[in-house]
Amino acid sequence: MSWLSWIIVGFIAGAFAKAVTGVRSAGCLGTIVIGIVGGLLGGAIFKAAGDEGVNEFSLYSLLVAFVGATLLLFIWGALTDQGRGRPRQRH
């Protein structure tokens, strides 16, 4: 896949993952990075399960990147205590 395809897949997968997880803190570039890293993570997970990773611009590649980005955001939320529904306390 070309670098432009990675950016497009990363943005779409990152945007969908942000919508599902409720993370709102990342901007446009953050969304692309989330999607690209998610694509790498999802590709590793899918390859470990015996399937293909991200290899071309297709709906399957979007699915792999979306799964990885969603997992990445859930892990990020668990580590940073975001998205738990608790309001921030002011001191």
N, C-alpha and C. Protein backbone atom coordinates (compact mmCIF):
# COMPACT_ATOMS: atom_id res chain seq x y z
N MET A 1 0.83 -1.16 0.00
CA MET A 1 0.00 0.00 0.00
C MET A 1 0.89 1.24 0.00
N SER A 2 0.46 2.28 -0.71
CA SER A 2 1.23 3.51 -0.75
C SER A 2 1.00 4.33 0.52
N TRP A 3 1.84 5.32 0.73
CA TRP A 3 1.71 6.14 1.93
C TRP A 3 0.40 6.92 1.94
N LEU A 4 -0.10 7.31 0.78
CA LEU A 4 -1.38 8.01 0.71
C LEU A 4 -2.53 7.09 1.10
N SER A 5 -2.46 5.84 0.70
CA SER A 5 -3.47 4.86 1.10
C SER A 5 -3.46 4.65 2.60
N TRP A 6 -2.26 4.59 3.19
CA TRP A 6 -2.15 4.44 4.65
C TRP A 6 -2.80 5.62 5.36
N ILE A 7 -2.60 6.83 4.84
CA ILE A 7 -3.19 8.01 5.46
C ILE A 7 -4.71 7.96 5.37
N ILE A 8 -5.24 7.60 4.21
CA ILE A 8 -6.69 7.54 4.02
C ILE A 8 -7.30 6.45 4.91
N VAL A 9 -6.72 5.26 4.87
CA VAL A 9 -7.21 4.17 5.71
C VAL A 9 -7.08 4.54 7.18
N GLY A 10 -5.96 5.16 7.55
CA GLY A 10 -5.75 5.57 8.93
C GLY A 10 -6.78 6.58 9.39
N PHE A 11 -7.10 7.55 8.55
CA PHE A 11 -8.08 8.56 8.94
C PHE A 11 -9.47 7.96 9.09
N ILE A 12 -9.88 7.14 8.15
CA ILE A 12 -11.21 6.54 8.21
C ILE A 12 -11.33 5.59 9.40
N ALA A 13 -10.35 4.72 9.57
CA ALA A 13 -10.38 3.77 10.69
C ALA A 13 -10.29 4.50 12.03
N GLY A 14 -9.45 5.52 12.11
CA GLY A 14 -9.33 6.29 13.34
C GLY A 14 -10.60 7.04 13.68
N ALA A 15 -11.26 7.60 12.67
CA ALA A 15 -12.51 8.32 12.90
C ALA A 15 -13.60 7.38 13.39
N PHE A 16 -13.72 6.21 12.77
CA PHE A 16 -14.72 5.23 13.22
C PHE A 16 -14.41 4.74 14.63
N ALA A 17 -13.13 4.48 14.92
CA ALA A 17 -12.75 4.01 16.26
C ALA A 17 -13.02 5.08 17.31
N LYS A 18 -12.76 6.35 16.98
CA LYS A 18 -13.06 7.43 17.92
C LYS A 18 -14.56 7.52 18.18
N ALA A 19 -15.36 7.33 17.13
CA ALA A 19 -16.81 7.39 17.29
C ALA A 19 -17.32 6.27 18.19
N VAL A 20 -16.76 5.08 18.04
CA VAL A 20 -17.20 3.92 18.83
C VAL A 20 -16.77 4.05 20.29
N THR A 21 -15.54 4.51 20.52
CA THR A 21 -15.02 4.56 21.87
C THR A 21 -15.35 5.86 22.61
N GLY A 22 -15.74 6.89 21.88
CA GLY A 22 -16.08 8.16 22.52
C GLY A 22 -14.91 9.05 22.82
N VAL A 23 -13.74 8.73 22.31
CA VAL A 23 -12.56 9.56 22.52
C VAL A 23 -12.67 10.79 21.63
N ARG A 24 -12.53 11.96 22.21
CA ARG A 24 -12.67 13.19 21.45
C ARG A 24 -11.43 14.07 21.48
N SER A 25 -10.39 13.65 22.17
CA SER A 25 -9.25 14.52 22.39
C SER A 25 -8.30 14.64 21.20
N ALA A 26 -8.33 13.71 20.27
CA ALA A 26 -7.39 13.72 19.16
C ALA A 26 -7.94 14.55 18.01
N GLY A 27 -7.10 15.36 17.40
CA GLY A 27 -7.48 16.14 16.23
C GLY A 27 -7.35 15.32 14.96
N CYS A 28 -7.26 16.00 13.84
CA CYS A 28 -7.19 15.33 12.54
C CYS A 28 -5.92 14.48 12.41
N LEU A 29 -4.77 15.07 12.76
CA LEU A 29 -3.53 14.30 12.67
C LEU A 29 -3.49 13.17 13.68
N GLY A 30 -4.05 13.42 14.86
CA GLY A 30 -4.13 12.37 15.87
C GLY A 30 -4.99 11.21 15.41
N THR A 31 -6.07 11.53 14.71
CA THR A 31 -6.96 10.50 14.17
C THR A 31 -6.22 9.65 13.15
N ILE A 32 -5.43 10.29 12.28
CA ILE A 32 -4.65 9.55 11.28
C ILE A 32 -3.63 8.64 11.96
N VAL A 33 -2.95 9.17 12.97
CA VAL A 33 -1.94 8.37 13.69
C VAL A 33 -2.61 7.20 14.40
N ILE A 34 -3.76 7.45 15.04
CA ILE A 34 -4.50 6.37 15.71
C ILE A 34 -4.85 5.28 14.70
N GLY A 35 -5.33 5.67 13.53
CA GLY A 35 -5.70 4.69 12.50
C GLY A 35 -4.53 3.92 11.94
N ILE A 36 -3.41 4.62 11.71
CA ILE A 36 -2.22 3.94 11.17
C ILE A 36 -1.64 2.97 12.19
N VAL A 37 -1.48 3.42 13.43
CA VAL A 37 -0.97 2.52 14.48
C VAL A 37 -1.97 1.39 14.71
N GLY A 38 -3.27 1.72 14.65
CA GLY A 38 -4.29 0.68 14.75
C GLY A 38 -4.21 -0.33 13.62
N GLY A 39 -3.88 0.14 12.42
CA GLY A 39 -3.69 -0.77 11.29
C GLY A 39 -2.54 -1.72 11.51
N LEU A 40 -1.46 -1.20 12.07
CA LEU A 40 -0.31 -2.06 12.37
C LEU A 40 -0.65 -3.06 13.47
N LEU A 41 -1.33 -2.58 14.52
CA LEU A 41 -1.73 -3.45 15.62
C LEU A 41 -2.74 -4.50 15.13
N GLY A 42 -3.75 -4.05 14.39
CA GLY A 42 -4.75 -4.97 13.86
C GLY A 42 -4.14 -5.99 12.91
N GLY A 43 -3.19 -5.53 12.08
CA GLY A 43 -2.50 -6.45 11.17
C GLY A 43 -1.74 -7.52 11.91
N ALA A 44 -1.07 -7.13 13.00
CA ALA A 44 -0.34 -8.11 13.81
C ALA A 44 -1.29 -9.11 14.46
N ILE A 45 -2.43 -8.61 14.95
CA ILE A 45 -3.41 -9.49 15.58
C ILE A 45 -4.00 -10.45 14.56
N PHE A 46 -4.39 -9.94 13.40
CA PHE A 46 -4.99 -10.79 12.38
C PHE A 46 -3.98 -11.81 11.85
N LYS A 47 -2.72 -11.40 11.70
CA LYS A 47 -1.70 -12.35 11.23
C LYS A 47 -1.45 -13.44 12.27
N ALA A 48 -1.46 -13.07 13.55
CA ALA A 48 -1.28 -14.05 14.61
C ALA A 48 -2.44 -15.05 14.63
N ALA A 49 -3.61 -14.60 14.21
CA ALA A 49 -4.78 -15.48 14.16
C ALA A 49 -4.81 -16.30 12.87
N GLY A 50 -3.84 -16.08 11.98
CA GLY A 50 -3.75 -16.87 10.76
C GLY A 50 -4.41 -16.24 9.56
N ASP A 51 -4.79 -14.98 9.65
CA ASP A 51 -5.44 -14.30 8.54
C ASP A 51 -4.48 -13.26 7.98
N GLU A 52 -4.93 -12.52 6.98
CA GLU A 52 -4.10 -11.47 6.38
C GLU A 52 -4.23 -10.18 7.16
N GLY A 53 -3.19 -9.37 7.11
CA GLY A 53 -3.23 -8.05 7.71
C GLY A 53 -3.63 -7.01 6.68
N VAL A 54 -3.18 -5.80 6.86
CA VAL A 54 -3.46 -4.72 5.92
C VAL A 54 -2.47 -4.87 4.77
N ASN A 55 -3.01 -5.12 3.56
CA ASN A 55 -2.10 -5.30 2.43
C ASN A 55 -2.50 -4.51 1.19
N GLU A 56 -3.71 -4.03 1.13
CA GLU A 56 -4.15 -3.22 -0.01
C GLU A 56 -5.29 -2.33 0.45
N PHE A 57 -5.64 -1.37 -0.37
CA PHE A 57 -6.73 -0.46 -0.04
C PHE A 57 -8.05 -1.17 -0.32
N SER A 58 -8.71 -1.64 0.75
CA SER A 58 -9.97 -2.38 0.59
C SER A 58 -10.78 -2.27 1.87
N LEU A 59 -12.01 -2.75 1.82
CA LEU A 59 -12.85 -2.75 3.01
C LEU A 59 -12.26 -3.66 4.09
N TYR A 60 -11.63 -4.73 3.67
CA TYR A 60 -11.00 -5.64 4.63
C TYR A 60 -9.88 -4.91 5.39
N SER A 61 -9.08 -4.14 4.68
CA SER A 61 -8.00 -3.38 5.33
C SER A 61 -8.58 -2.35 6.30
N LEU A 62 -9.70 -1.73 5.92
CA LEU A 62 -10.37 -0.80 6.83
C LEU A 62 -10.85 -1.51 8.09
N LEU A 63 -11.38 -2.72 7.93
CA LEU A 63 -11.84 -3.50 9.07
C LEU A 63 -10.68 -3.84 10.00
N VAL A 64 -9.57 -4.27 9.43
CA VAL A 64 -8.40 -4.63 10.24
C VAL A 64 -7.90 -3.41 10.99
N ALA A 65 -7.79 -2.27 10.31
CA ALA A 65 -7.31 -1.05 10.94
C ALA A 65 -8.31 -0.56 12.00
N PHE A 66 -9.60 -0.69 11.73
CA PHE A 66 -10.63 -0.29 12.70
C PHE A 66 -10.55 -1.12 13.97
N VAL A 67 -10.39 -2.43 13.82
CA VAL A 67 -10.28 -3.31 14.99
C VAL A 67 -9.05 -2.93 15.81
N GLY A 68 -7.92 -2.72 15.15
CA GLY A 68 -6.71 -2.34 15.86
C GLY A 68 -6.82 -0.98 16.52
N ALA A 69 -7.40 0.00 15.82
CA ALA A 69 -7.54 1.35 16.38
C ALA A 69 -8.50 1.35 17.56
N THR A 70 -9.58 0.59 17.47
CA THR A 70 -10.53 0.51 18.57
C THR A 70 -9.87 -0.12 19.79
N LEU A 71 -9.14 -1.20 19.60
CA LEU A 71 -8.42 -1.83 20.70
C LEU A 71 -7.40 -0.86 21.30
N LEU A 72 -6.70 -0.15 20.44
CA LEU A 72 -5.72 0.83 20.90
C LEU A 72 -6.37 1.91 21.75
N LEU A 73 -7.53 2.42 21.33
CA LEU A 73 -8.22 3.46 22.09
C LEU A 73 -8.80 2.93 23.39
N PHE A 74 -9.27 1.69 23.41
CA PHE A 74 -9.74 1.11 24.66
C PHE A 74 -8.59 0.96 25.65
N ILE A 75 -7.45 0.52 25.18
CA ILE A 75 -6.27 0.40 26.05
C ILE A 75 -5.84 1.77 26.54
N TRP A 76 -5.80 2.75 25.63
CA TRP A 76 -5.43 4.11 25.99
C TRP A 76 -6.39 4.66 27.05
N GLY A 77 -7.68 4.45 26.86
CA GLY A 77 -8.68 4.92 27.82
C GLY A 77 -8.52 4.27 29.18
N ALA A 78 -8.18 2.99 29.19
CA ALA A 78 -7.99 2.29 30.46
C ALA A 78 -6.74 2.79 31.19
N LEU A 79 -5.70 3.10 30.44
CA LEU A 79 -4.47 3.56 31.06
C LEU A 79 -4.55 5.00 31.53
N THR A 80 -5.32 5.82 30.83
CA THR A 80 -5.38 7.25 31.17
C THR A 80 -6.65 7.61 31.92
N ASP A 81 -7.51 6.64 32.20
CA ASP A 81 -8.74 6.86 32.95
C ASP A 81 -9.71 7.80 32.21
N GLN A 82 -9.68 7.74 30.87
CA GLN A 82 -10.62 8.53 30.07
C GLN A 82 -11.81 7.68 29.73
N GLY A 83 -12.93 8.33 29.51
CA GLY A 83 -14.11 7.63 29.04
C GLY A 83 -14.80 6.78 30.07
N ARG A 84 -14.56 7.01 31.34
CA ARG A 84 -15.18 6.19 32.37
C ARG A 84 -16.52 6.76 32.82
N GLY A 85 -16.90 7.92 32.29
CA GLY A 85 -18.17 8.50 32.65
C GLY A 85 -18.15 9.28 33.95
N ARG A 86 -16.99 9.37 34.57
CA ARG A 86 -16.89 10.12 35.82
C ARG A 86 -16.51 11.56 35.51
N PRO A 87 -17.22 12.50 36.07
CA PRO A 87 -16.83 13.90 35.83
C PRO A 87 -15.53 14.24 36.55
N ARG A 88 -14.81 15.16 35.96
CA ARG A 88 -13.57 15.62 36.59
C ARG A 88 -13.92 16.44 37.82
N GLN A 89 -13.16 16.26 38.86
CA GLN A 89 -13.41 17.02 40.08
C GLN A 89 -12.53 18.26 40.07
N ARG A 90 -13.15 19.36 40.41
CA ARG A 90 -12.40 20.61 40.50
C ARG A 90 -11.99 20.85 41.94
N HIS A 91 -10.76 21.29 42.10
CA HIS A 91 -10.24 21.55 43.45
C HIS A 91 -10.07 23.02 43.65
